[in-house]
Amino acid sequence: MFFGFMNLGVKELILVLLIVLVIFGPKKLPEIGRSFGEMLSNFRSGSKNEDNGENGENGDKAVNGAKTDENNK
């Protein structure tokens, strides 16, 4: 049975979770999960803004920075 996420099955996901548990330990797992969730949330909202044609703050700053760099040449 595949989950569609990188074609990993149940056994592979359990193995990955066990490896993460051994490497980081049980005390760090909530913090890692929280930061991973925030990263996914930011990625999804960023891609949603891209689909709507909106530029976020960082996009505007990057464009302004590129124009400044071109003028300095």
N, C-alpha and C. Protein backbone atom coordinates (compact mmCIF):
# COMPACT_ATOMS: atom_id res chain seq x y z
N MET A 1 0.84 -1.18 0.00
CA MET A 1 0.00 0.00 0.00
C MET A 1 0.88 1.24 0.00
N PHE A 2 0.65 2.14 -0.94
CA PHE A 2 1.45 3.35 -1.05
C PHE A 2 0.63 4.55 -0.64
N PHE A 3 1.31 5.50 -0.01
CA PHE A 3 0.65 6.72 0.45
C PHE A 3 0.71 7.82 -0.60
N GLY A 4 1.52 7.65 -1.63
CA GLY A 4 1.65 8.69 -2.64
C GLY A 4 2.69 9.72 -2.27
N PHE A 5 3.20 9.67 -1.07
CA PHE A 5 4.25 10.59 -0.65
C PHE A 5 5.59 9.92 -0.89
N MET A 6 6.21 10.24 -2.01
CA MET A 6 7.49 9.67 -2.39
C MET A 6 7.41 8.15 -2.53
N ASN A 7 6.23 7.63 -2.80
CA ASN A 7 6.00 6.20 -2.98
C ASN A 7 6.52 5.37 -1.81
N LEU A 8 6.29 5.83 -0.60
CA LEU A 8 6.69 5.10 0.60
C LEU A 8 5.52 4.31 1.13
N GLY A 9 5.79 3.07 1.51
CA GLY A 9 4.77 2.24 2.12
C GLY A 9 4.79 2.37 3.62
N VAL A 10 3.98 1.58 4.28
CA VAL A 10 3.87 1.63 5.74
C VAL A 10 5.20 1.23 6.38
N LYS A 11 5.81 0.17 5.89
CA LYS A 11 7.07 -0.29 6.48
C LYS A 11 8.17 0.76 6.34
N GLU A 12 8.23 1.40 5.19
CA GLU A 12 9.26 2.41 4.98
C GLU A 12 9.04 3.63 5.88
N LEU A 13 7.78 4.04 6.05
CA LEU A 13 7.50 5.18 6.92
C LEU A 13 7.84 4.87 8.37
N ILE A 14 7.54 3.67 8.81
CA ILE A 14 7.88 3.27 10.18
C ILE A 14 9.39 3.27 10.36
N LEU A 15 10.12 2.77 9.37
CA LEU A 15 11.58 2.76 9.45
C LEU A 15 12.14 4.18 9.51
N VAL A 16 11.61 5.07 8.70
CA VAL A 16 12.07 6.46 8.72
C VAL A 16 11.78 7.10 10.08
N LEU A 17 10.60 6.87 10.62
CA LEU A 17 10.25 7.43 11.93
C LEU A 17 11.14 6.89 13.03
N LEU A 18 11.47 5.60 12.97
CA LEU A 18 12.38 5.03 13.97
C LEU A 18 13.78 5.63 13.87
N ILE A 19 14.26 5.84 12.66
CA ILE A 19 15.58 6.44 12.48
C ILE A 19 15.58 7.87 13.03
N VAL A 20 14.53 8.63 12.74
CA VAL A 20 14.43 10.00 13.26
C VAL A 20 14.38 9.98 14.78
N LEU A 21 13.65 9.04 15.35
CA LEU A 21 13.55 8.92 16.80
C LEU A 21 14.91 8.63 17.42
N VAL A 22 15.68 7.75 16.80
CA VAL A 22 17.00 7.40 17.33
C VAL A 22 17.96 8.58 17.21
N ILE A 23 17.91 9.29 16.09
CA ILE A 23 18.84 10.39 15.87
C ILE A 23 18.55 11.58 16.79
N PHE A 24 17.29 11.99 16.86
CA PHE A 24 16.96 13.21 17.60
C PHE A 24 16.48 12.97 19.02
N GLY A 25 16.00 11.80 19.31
CA GLY A 25 15.50 11.51 20.64
C GLY A 25 14.06 11.96 20.82
N PRO A 26 13.39 11.41 21.82
CA PRO A 26 11.97 11.71 22.01
C PRO A 26 11.69 13.13 22.48
N LYS A 27 12.66 13.79 23.11
CA LYS A 27 12.42 15.15 23.61
C LYS A 27 12.39 16.18 22.49
N LYS A 28 13.12 15.94 21.41
CA LYS A 28 13.21 16.89 20.31
C LYS A 28 12.10 16.71 19.28
N LEU A 29 11.42 15.56 19.28
CA LEU A 29 10.42 15.27 18.25
C LEU A 29 9.29 16.29 18.17
N PRO A 30 8.69 16.74 19.28
CA PRO A 30 7.63 17.76 19.16
C PRO A 30 8.13 19.06 18.53
N GLU A 31 9.34 19.47 18.89
CA GLU A 31 9.90 20.69 18.33
C GLU A 31 10.16 20.54 16.83
N ILE A 32 10.68 19.39 16.44
CA ILE A 32 10.95 19.14 15.02
C ILE A 32 9.65 19.08 14.24
N GLY A 33 8.65 18.41 14.79
CA GLY A 33 7.35 18.32 14.13
C GLY A 33 6.70 19.68 13.97
N ARG A 34 6.81 20.51 15.00
CA ARG A 34 6.23 21.85 14.96
C ARG A 34 6.91 22.69 13.88
N SER A 35 8.24 22.65 13.84
CA SER A 35 8.95 23.45 12.83
C SER A 35 8.68 22.93 11.43
N PHE A 36 8.53 21.62 11.28
CA PHE A 36 8.21 21.05 9.97
C PHE A 36 6.81 21.48 9.54
N GLY A 37 5.86 21.49 10.47
CA GLY A 37 4.51 21.94 10.16
C GLY A 37 4.46 23.40 9.77
N GLU A 38 5.22 24.24 10.47
CA GLU A 38 5.28 25.66 10.13
C GLU A 38 5.88 25.85 8.74
N MET A 39 6.91 25.05 8.44
CA MET A 39 7.54 25.14 7.13
C MET A 39 6.54 24.78 6.02
N LEU A 40 5.79 23.71 6.22
CA LEU A 40 4.79 23.32 5.24
C LEU A 40 3.71 24.38 5.08
N SER A 41 3.29 24.95 6.20
CA SER A 41 2.26 26.00 6.16
C SER A 41 2.75 27.21 5.38
N ASN A 42 3.99 27.63 5.65
CA ASN A 42 4.56 28.76 4.92
C ASN A 42 4.71 28.45 3.44
N PHE A 43 5.11 27.24 3.13
CA PHE A 43 5.27 26.85 1.73
C PHE A 43 3.93 26.87 1.01
N ARG A 44 2.90 26.32 1.65
CA ARG A 44 1.58 26.28 1.02
C ARG A 44 1.01 27.68 0.84
N SER A 45 1.15 28.54 1.84
CA SER A 45 0.63 29.90 1.70
C SER A 45 1.43 30.67 0.65
N GLY A 46 2.71 30.42 0.58
CA GLY A 46 3.53 31.07 -0.44
C GLY A 46 3.16 30.62 -1.84
N SER A 47 2.93 29.33 -2.00
CA SER A 47 2.55 28.84 -3.32
C SER A 47 1.14 29.30 -3.68
N LYS A 48 0.27 29.46 -2.69
CA LYS A 48 -1.08 29.96 -2.95
C LYS A 48 -1.01 31.42 -3.42
N ASN A 49 -0.12 32.21 -2.81
CA ASN A 49 0.06 33.60 -3.23
C ASN A 49 0.62 33.66 -4.64
N GLU A 50 1.52 32.75 -4.99
CA GLU A 50 2.09 32.71 -6.33
C GLU A 50 1.01 32.41 -7.35
N ASP A 51 0.11 31.48 -7.02
CA ASP A 51 -0.97 31.11 -7.93
C ASP A 51 -1.92 32.27 -8.17
N ASN A 52 -2.11 33.11 -7.16
CA ASN A 52 -3.01 34.25 -7.29
C ASN A 52 -2.34 35.45 -7.95
N GLY A 53 -1.05 35.35 -8.21
CA GLY A 53 -0.33 36.45 -8.82
C GLY A 53 0.08 37.51 -7.84
N GLU A 54 0.01 37.22 -6.56
CA GLU A 54 0.39 38.19 -5.54
C GLU A 54 1.86 38.03 -5.21
N ASN A 55 2.50 39.13 -4.88
CA ASN A 55 3.87 39.08 -4.39
C ASN A 55 3.87 39.39 -2.92
N GLY A 56 4.59 38.61 -2.16
CA GLY A 56 4.72 38.89 -0.74
C GLY A 56 5.78 39.95 -0.52
N GLU A 57 6.06 40.23 0.74
CA GLU A 57 7.08 41.22 1.06
C GLU A 57 8.43 40.82 0.49
N ASN A 58 8.79 39.56 0.65
CA ASN A 58 10.10 39.11 0.19
C ASN A 58 10.22 39.20 -1.32
N GLY A 59 9.16 38.93 -2.04
CA GLY A 59 9.20 39.02 -3.49
C GLY A 59 9.45 40.45 -3.94
N ASP A 60 8.80 41.42 -3.31
CA ASP A 60 9.00 42.82 -3.67
C ASP A 60 10.41 43.26 -3.35
N LYS A 61 10.92 42.85 -2.20
CA LYS A 61 12.28 43.23 -1.82
C LYS A 61 13.29 42.61 -2.76
N ALA A 62 13.05 41.38 -3.19
CA ALA A 62 13.98 40.72 -4.10
C ALA A 62 14.02 41.45 -5.44
N VAL A 63 12.87 41.87 -5.93
CA VAL A 63 12.81 42.60 -7.20
C VAL A 63 13.52 43.94 -7.05
N ASN A 64 13.27 44.65 -5.96
CA ASN A 64 13.93 45.94 -5.73
C ASN A 64 15.43 45.76 -5.59
N GLY A 65 15.84 44.70 -4.92
CA GLY A 65 17.27 44.43 -4.77
C GLY A 65 17.92 44.12 -6.10
N ALA A 66 17.22 43.41 -6.97
CA ALA A 66 17.76 43.08 -8.29
C ALA A 66 17.92 44.34 -9.12
N LYS A 67 16.95 45.25 -9.04
CA LYS A 67 17.04 46.50 -9.79
C LYS A 67 18.21 47.33 -9.29
N THR A 68 18.43 47.35 -7.99
CA THR A 68 19.54 48.10 -7.41
C THR A 68 20.87 47.51 -7.87
N ASP A 69 20.97 46.19 -7.90
CA ASP A 69 22.20 45.54 -8.33
C ASP A 69 22.50 45.84 -9.79
N GLU A 70 21.46 45.88 -10.63
CA GLU A 70 21.66 46.19 -12.04
C GLU A 70 22.16 47.62 -12.22
N ASN A 71 21.67 48.53 -11.41
CA ASN A 71 22.06 49.93 -11.51
C ASN A 71 23.50 50.15 -11.06
N ASN A 72 24.00 49.30 -10.17
CA ASN A 72 25.36 49.46 -9.65
C ASN A 72 26.42 49.00 -10.64
N LYS A 73 26.04 48.29 -11.67
CA LYS A 73 27.03 47.77 -12.64
C LYS A 73 27.54 48.85 -13.54
